[in-house]
Amino acid sequence: MSLDKPYTDVPGTTIFDADMSRMGYHLNQFCMSLMKAENRARFKANERAYLDEWPMSEEQKQAVLDRDLNRCISLGGNIYFLAKIGATDGKSFQQMAGSMTGMTEDQYREMMIKGGRSVEGNRYTGEKK
Protein backbone atom coordinates (compact mmCIF):
# COMPACT_ATOMS: atom_id res chain seq x y z
CA MET A 1 0.00 0.00 0.00
CA SER A 2 1.55 3.30 -1.03
CA LEU A 3 0.94 6.47 0.88
CA ASP A 4 -0.89 9.40 -0.65
CA LYS A 5 1.75 12.04 -1.43
CA PRO A 6 0.02 15.22 -2.59
CA TYR A 7 3.32 17.08 -2.26
CA THR A 8 4.68 15.33 -5.36
CA ASP A 9 2.59 17.77 -7.42
CA VAL A 10 4.73 20.83 -6.60
CA PRO A 11 6.73 21.90 -9.69
CA GLY A 12 10.49 21.80 -9.29
CA THR A 13 10.30 20.42 -5.76
CA THR A 14 11.56 17.11 -4.43
CA ILE A 15 10.43 16.33 -0.91
CA PHE A 16 12.94 14.36 1.14
CA ASP A 17 10.59 11.82 2.68
CA ALA A 18 11.15 8.28 3.99
CA ASP A 19 11.21 6.81 0.48
CA MET A 20 13.83 9.32 -0.67
CA SER A 21 15.82 8.70 2.50
CA ARG A 22 15.95 4.98 1.76
CA MET A 23 16.89 5.58 -1.88
CA GLY A 24 19.68 7.98 -0.99
CA TYR A 25 20.99 6.34 2.17
CA HIS A 26 24.43 5.40 0.79
CA LEU A 27 24.76 8.62 -1.21
CA ASN A 28 24.11 10.63 1.93
CA GLN A 29 26.47 8.47 3.99
CA PHE A 30 29.18 9.08 1.39
CA CYS A 31 28.56 12.83 1.74
CA MET A 32 28.81 12.61 5.52
CA SER A 33 32.13 10.79 5.18
CA LEU A 34 33.52 14.00 3.68
CA MET A 35 33.38 15.59 7.12
CA LYS A 36 36.72 13.89 7.83
CA ALA A 37 39.81 15.50 6.31
CA GLU A 38 41.38 12.16 5.40
CA ASN A 39 38.26 11.14 3.48
CA ARG A 40 38.13 14.46 1.62
CA ALA A 41 41.78 13.95 0.63
CA ARG A 42 41.09 10.41 -0.58
CA PHE A 43 38.05 11.56 -2.54
CA LYS A 44 39.91 14.44 -4.20
CA ALA A 45 42.87 12.18 -5.05
CA ASN A 46 40.68 9.68 -6.94
CA GLU A 47 36.99 10.49 -6.90
CA ARG A 48 35.89 7.43 -8.84
CA ALA A 49 37.84 5.00 -6.66
CA TYR A 50 36.45 6.56 -3.49
CA LEU A 51 32.88 6.49 -4.82
CA ASP A 52 33.30 2.84 -5.79
CA GLU A 53 33.80 2.02 -2.11
CA TRP A 54 30.15 2.98 -1.53
CA PRO A 55 27.19 0.78 -2.57
CA MET A 56 25.53 3.59 -4.51
CA SER A 57 23.90 3.18 -7.89
CA GLU A 58 25.99 4.03 -10.92
CA GLU A 59 23.57 6.87 -11.60
CA GLN A 60 24.21 8.33 -8.13
CA LYS A 61 27.98 8.04 -8.57
CA GLN A 62 27.84 9.75 -11.96
CA ALA A 63 25.69 12.56 -10.57
CA VAL A 64 28.35 13.17 -7.89
CA LEU A 65 31.16 13.10 -10.47
CA ASP A 66 29.21 15.54 -12.65
CA ARG A 67 28.41 17.68 -9.58
CA ASP A 68 24.81 17.56 -10.77
CA LEU A 69 23.20 18.38 -7.45
CA ASN A 70 19.68 18.45 -8.86
CA ARG A 71 20.18 14.90 -10.11
CA CYS A 72 21.64 13.87 -6.73
CA ILE A 73 18.50 15.20 -5.06
CA SER A 74 16.25 13.29 -7.45
CA LEU A 75 18.23 10.15 -6.55
CA GLY A 76 17.69 10.54 -2.82
CA GLY A 77 20.34 13.06 -1.87
CA ASN A 78 19.56 15.50 0.89
CA ILE A 79 20.84 19.01 0.25
CA TYR A 80 22.28 19.29 3.75
CA PHE A 81 24.40 16.20 3.13
CA LEU A 82 25.21 17.21 -0.46
CA ALA A 83 26.60 20.48 0.87
CA LYS A 84 29.61 18.43 2.04
CA ILE A 85 30.54 17.89 -1.62
CA GLY A 86 30.45 21.62 -2.25
CA ALA A 87 32.53 22.30 0.84
CA THR A 88 35.05 19.70 -0.34
CA ASP A 89 35.25 21.60 -3.63
CA GLY A 90 35.67 24.91 -1.79
CA LYS A 91 32.22 26.18 -2.75
CA SER A 92 29.79 28.02 -0.52
CA PHE A 93 26.22 26.88 -0.11
CA GLN A 94 25.19 30.00 -2.02
CA GLN A 95 27.40 29.01 -4.97
CA MET A 96 25.90 25.53 -4.94
CA ALA A 97 22.33 26.83 -4.79
CA GLY A 98 23.02 29.21 -7.65
CA SER A 99 24.34 26.37 -9.79
CA MET A 100 21.16 24.38 -9.08
CA THR A 101 18.97 27.21 -10.38
CA GLY A 102 21.01 28.04 -13.47
CA MET A 103 22.02 31.38 -11.94
CA THR A 104 25.36 32.83 -11.06
CA GLU A 105 26.15 33.23 -7.39
CA ASP A 106 25.49 36.98 -7.67
CA GLN A 107 22.15 36.47 -9.44
CA TYR A 108 21.09 33.93 -6.83
CA ARG A 109 22.09 36.24 -3.96
CA GLU A 110 20.19 39.15 -5.49
CA MET A 111 17.07 37.00 -5.98
CA MET A 112 17.18 35.89 -2.35
CA ILE A 113 17.73 39.44 -1.08
CA LYS A 114 14.62 40.47 -3.02
CA GLY A 115 12.56 37.76 -1.30
CA GLY A 116 13.21 34.63 -3.38
CA ARG A 117 11.38 33.19 -6.34
CA SER A 118 7.88 34.30 -7.18
CA VAL A 119 5.17 31.86 -6.15
CA GLU A 120 3.66 32.23 -9.61
CA GLY A 121 4.12 28.91 -11.40
CA ASN A 122 5.51 27.32 -8.23
CA ARG A 123 2.31 25.96 -6.74
CA TYR A 124 0.59 22.64 -7.34
CA THR A 125 0.60 21.81 -11.04
CA GLY A 126 -3.09 20.83 -10.84
CA GLU A 127 -4.08 24.11 -9.16
CA LYS A 128 -6.73 26.20 -10.89
CA LYS A 129 -5.83 29.83 -11.46
C-alpha atoms as a PDB file:
ATOM      1  CA  MET A   1       0.000   0.000   0.000  1.00  0.00           C
ATOM      2  CA  SER A   2       1.548   3.296  -1.027  1.00  0.00           C
ATOM      3  CA  LEU A   3       0.941   6.472   0.879  1.00  0.00           C
ATOM      4  CA  ASP A   4      -0.887   9.399  -0.648  1.00  0.00           C
ATOM      5  CA  LYS A   5       1.751  12.037  -1.427  1.00  0.00           C
ATOM      6  CA  PRO A   6       0.016  15.218  -2.588  1.00  0.00           C
ATOM      7  CA  TYR A   7       3.320  17.081  -2.265  1.00  0.00           C
ATOM      8  CA  THR A   8       4.680  15.332  -5.360  1.00  0.00           C
ATOM      9  CA  ASP A   9       2.591  17.768  -7.418  1.00  0.00           C
ATOM     10  CA  VAL A  10       4.729  20.835  -6.600  1.00  0.00           C
ATOM     11  CA  PRO A  11       6.728  21.899  -9.692  1.00  0.00           C
ATOM     12  CA  GLY A  12      10.489  21.796  -9.292  1.00  0.00           C
ATOM     13  CA  THR A  13      10.298  20.417  -5.760  1.00  0.00           C
ATOM     14  CA  THR A  14      11.561  17.111  -4.427  1.00  0.00           C
ATOM     15  CA  ILE A  15      10.428  16.328  -0.908  1.00  0.00           C
ATOM     16  CA  PHE A  16      12.938  14.362   1.145  1.00  0.00           C
ATOM     17  CA  ASP A  17      10.593  11.819   2.681  1.00  0.00           C
ATOM     18  CA  ALA A  18      11.151   8.281   3.994  1.00  0.00           C
ATOM     19  CA  ASP A  19      11.209   6.806   0.476  1.00  0.00           C
ATOM     20  CA  MET A  20      13.827   9.315  -0.672  1.00  0.00           C
ATOM     21  CA  SER A  21      15.815   8.698   2.497  1.00  0.00           C
ATOM     22  CA  ARG A  22      15.955   4.975   1.759  1.00  0.00           C
ATOM     23  CA  MET A  23      16.886   5.584  -1.881  1.00  0.00           C
ATOM     24  CA  GLY A  24      19.681   7.981  -0.989  1.00  0.00           C
ATOM     25  CA  TYR A  25      20.994   6.342   2.172  1.00  0.00           C
ATOM     26  CA  HIS A  26      24.435   5.399   0.793  1.00  0.00           C
ATOM     27  CA  LEU A  27      24.756   8.618  -1.213  1.00  0.00           C
ATOM     28  CA  ASN A  28      24.109  10.631   1.928  1.00  0.00           C
ATOM     29  CA  GLN A  29      26.466   8.467   3.994  1.00  0.00           C
ATOM     30  CA  PHE A  30      29.179   9.081   1.387  1.00  0.00           C
ATOM     31  CA  CYS A  31      28.563  12.827   1.740  1.00  0.00           C
ATOM     32  CA  MET A  32      28.812  12.613   5.517  1.00  0.00           C
ATOM     33  CA  SER A  33      32.132  10.789   5.184  1.00  0.00           C
ATOM     34  CA  LEU A  34      33.525  14.003   3.685  1.00  0.00           C
ATOM     35  CA  MET A  35      33.384  15.594   7.119  1.00  0.00           C
ATOM     36  CA  LYS A  36      36.724  13.892   7.834  1.00  0.00           C
ATOM     37  CA  ALA A  37      39.808  15.503   6.305  1.00  0.00           C
ATOM     38  CA  GLU A  38      41.377  12.159   5.403  1.00  0.00           C
ATOM     39  CA  ASN A  39      38.261  11.142   3.477  1.00  0.00           C
ATOM     40  CA  ARG A  40      38.133  14.461   1.623  1.00  0.00           C
ATOM     41  CA  ALA A  41      41.780  13.953   0.626  1.00  0.00           C
ATOM     42  CA  ARG A  42      41.095  10.407  -0.582  1.00  0.00           C
ATOM     43  CA  PHE A  43      38.053  11.564  -2.539  1.00  0.00           C
ATOM     44  CA  LYS A  44      39.908  14.442  -4.203  1.00  0.00           C
ATOM     45  CA  ALA A  45      42.870  12.177  -5.047  1.00  0.00           C
ATOM     46  CA  ASN A  46      40.684   9.682  -6.938  1.00  0.00           C
ATOM     47  CA  GLU A  47      36.989  10.491  -6.904  1.00  0.00           C
ATOM     48  CA  ARG A  48      35.890   7.432  -8.838  1.00  0.00           C
ATOM     49  CA  ALA A  49      37.837   5.000  -6.662  1.00  0.00           C
ATOM     50  CA  TYR A  50      36.446   6.558  -3.486  1.00  0.00           C
ATOM     51  CA  LEU A  51      32.883   6.491  -4.818  1.00  0.00           C
ATOM     52  CA  ASP A  52      33.299   2.839  -5.789  1.00  0.00           C
ATOM     53  CA  GLU A  53      33.797   2.024  -2.108  1.00  0.00           C
ATOM     54  CA  TRP A  54      30.155   2.980  -1.534  1.00  0.00           C
ATOM     55  CA  PRO A  55      27.188   0.784  -2.566  1.00  0.00           C
ATOM     56  CA  MET A  56      25.527   3.586  -4.511  1.00  0.00           C
ATOM     57  CA  SER A  57      23.901   3.182  -7.890  1.00  0.00           C
ATOM     58  CA  GLU A  58      25.989   4.028 -10.923  1.00  0.00           C
ATOM     59  CA  GLU A  59      23.571   6.871 -11.595  1.00  0.00           C
ATOM     60  CA  GLN A  60      24.212   8.332  -8.126  1.00  0.00           C
ATOM     61  CA  LYS A  61      27.984   8.036  -8.566  1.00  0.00           C
ATOM     62  CA  GLN A  62      27.835   9.746 -11.958  1.00  0.00           C
ATOM     63  CA  ALA A  63      25.694  12.564 -10.573  1.00  0.00           C
ATOM     64  CA  VAL A  64      28.351  13.173  -7.894  1.00  0.00           C
ATOM     65  CA  LEU A  65      31.156  13.100 -10.472  1.00  0.00           C
ATOM     66  CA  ASP A  66      29.213  15.541 -12.653  1.00  0.00           C
ATOM     67  CA  ARG A  67      28.413  17.678  -9.583  1.00  0.00           C
ATOM     68  CA  ASP A  68      24.810  17.561 -10.768  1.00  0.00           C
ATOM     69  CA  LEU A  69      23.200  18.379  -7.450  1.00  0.00           C
ATOM     70  CA  ASN A  70      19.684  18.450  -8.858  1.00  0.00           C
ATOM     71  CA  ARG A  71      20.181  14.899 -10.109  1.00  0.00           C
ATOM     72  CA  CYS A  72      21.640  13.870  -6.735  1.00  0.00           C
ATOM     73  CA  ILE A  73      18.495  15.196  -5.058  1.00  0.00           C
ATOM     74  CA  SER A  74      16.248  13.290  -7.451  1.00  0.00           C
ATOM     75  CA  LEU A  75      18.233  10.150  -6.552  1.00  0.00           C
ATOM     76  CA  GLY A  76      17.690  10.538  -2.820  1.00  0.00           C
ATOM     77  CA  GLY A  77      20.342  13.056  -1.873  1.00  0.00           C
ATOM     78  CA  ASN A  78      19.565  15.496   0.888  1.00  0.00           C
ATOM     79  CA  ILE A  79      20.837  19.014   0.249  1.00  0.00           C
ATOM     80  CA  TYR A  80      22.275  19.286   3.752  1.00  0.00           C
ATOM     81  CA  PHE A  81      24.402  16.202   3.132  1.00  0.00           C
ATOM     82  CA  LEU A  82      25.210  17.210  -0.456  1.00  0.00           C
ATOM     83  CA  ALA A  83      26.602  20.482   0.873  1.00  0.00           C
ATOM     84  CA  LYS A  84      29.609  18.427   2.041  1.00  0.00           C
ATOM     85  CA  ILE A  85      30.544  17.888  -1.624  1.00  0.00           C
ATOM     86  CA  GLY A  86      30.447  21.624  -2.255  1.00  0.00           C
ATOM     87  CA  ALA A  87      32.525  22.298   0.844  1.00  0.00           C
ATOM     88  CA  THR A  88      35.049  19.697  -0.338  1.00  0.00           C
ATOM     89  CA  ASP A  89      35.247  21.598  -3.628  1.00  0.00           C
ATOM     90  CA  GLY A  90      35.667  24.905  -1.791  1.00  0.00           C
ATOM     91  CA  LYS A  91      32.215  26.181  -2.747  1.00  0.00           C
ATOM     92  CA  SER A  92      29.793  28.019  -0.525  1.00  0.00           C
ATOM     93  CA  PHE A  93      26.217  26.884  -0.114  1.00  0.00           C
ATOM     94  CA  GLN A  94      25.190  29.999  -2.019  1.00  0.00           C
ATOM     95  CA  GLN A  95      27.397  29.008  -4.972  1.00  0.00           C
ATOM     96  CA  MET A  96      25.903  25.531  -4.935  1.00  0.00           C
ATOM     97  CA  ALA A  97      22.327  26.828  -4.793  1.00  0.00           C
ATOM     98  CA  GLY A  98      23.018  29.211  -7.649  1.00  0.00           C
ATOM     99  CA  SER A  99      24.344  26.366  -9.788  1.00  0.00           C
ATOM    100  CA  MET A 100      21.162  24.380  -9.084  1.00  0.00           C
ATOM    101  CA  THR A 101      18.968  27.207 -10.382  1.00  0.00           C
ATOM    102  CA  GLY A 102      21.010  28.044 -13.467  1.00  0.00           C
ATOM    103  CA  MET A 103      22.020  31.380 -11.941  1.00  0.00           C
ATOM    104  CA  THR A 104      25.357  32.832 -11.059  1.00  0.00           C
ATOM    105  CA  GLU A 105      26.150  33.234  -7.389  1.00  0.00           C
ATOM    106  CA  ASP A 106      25.489  36.981  -7.666  1.00  0.00           C
ATOM    107  CA  GLN A 107      22.153  36.471  -9.437  1.00  0.00           C
ATOM    108  CA  TYR A 108      21.088  33.929  -6.829  1.00  0.00           C
ATOM    109  CA  ARG A 109      22.092  36.236  -3.960  1.00  0.00           C
ATOM    110  CA  GLU A 110      20.186  39.146  -5.490  1.00  0.00           C
ATOM    111  CA  MET A 111      17.069  37.003  -5.980  1.00  0.00           C
ATOM    112  CA  MET A 112      17.178  35.888  -2.350  1.00  0.00           C
ATOM    113  CA  ILE A 113      17.732  39.442  -1.078  1.00  0.00           C
ATOM    114  CA  LYS A 114      14.623  40.473  -3.018  1.00  0.00           C
ATOM    115  CA  GLY A 115      12.559  37.760  -1.304  1.00  0.00           C
ATOM    116  CA  GLY A 116      13.212  34.629  -3.379  1.00  0.00           C
ATOM    117  CA  ARG A 117      11.379  33.187  -6.344  1.00  0.00           C
ATOM    118  CA  SER A 118       7.882  34.299  -7.181  1.00  0.00           C
ATOM    119  CA  VAL A 119       5.168  31.858  -6.150  1.00  0.00           C
ATOM    120  CA  GLU A 120       3.658  32.233  -9.615  1.00  0.00           C
ATOM    121  CA  GLY A 121       4.124  28.913 -11.397  1.00  0.00           C
ATOM    122  CA  ASN A 122       5.510  27.324  -8.228  1.00  0.00           C
ATOM    123  CA  ARG A 123       2.312  25.956  -6.735  1.00  0.00           C
ATOM    124  CA  TYR A 124       0.594  22.638  -7.341  1.00  0.00           C
ATOM    125  CA  THR A 125       0.598  21.807 -11.038  1.00  0.00           C
ATOM    126  CA  GLY A 126      -3.086  20.828 -10.843  1.00  0.00           C
ATOM    127  CA  GLU A 127      -4.080  24.107  -9.163  1.00  0.00           C
ATOM    128  CA  LYS A 128      -6.729  26.201 -10.891  1.00  0.00           C
ATOM    129  CA  LYS A 129      -5.830  29.830 -11.464  1.00  0.00           C
END
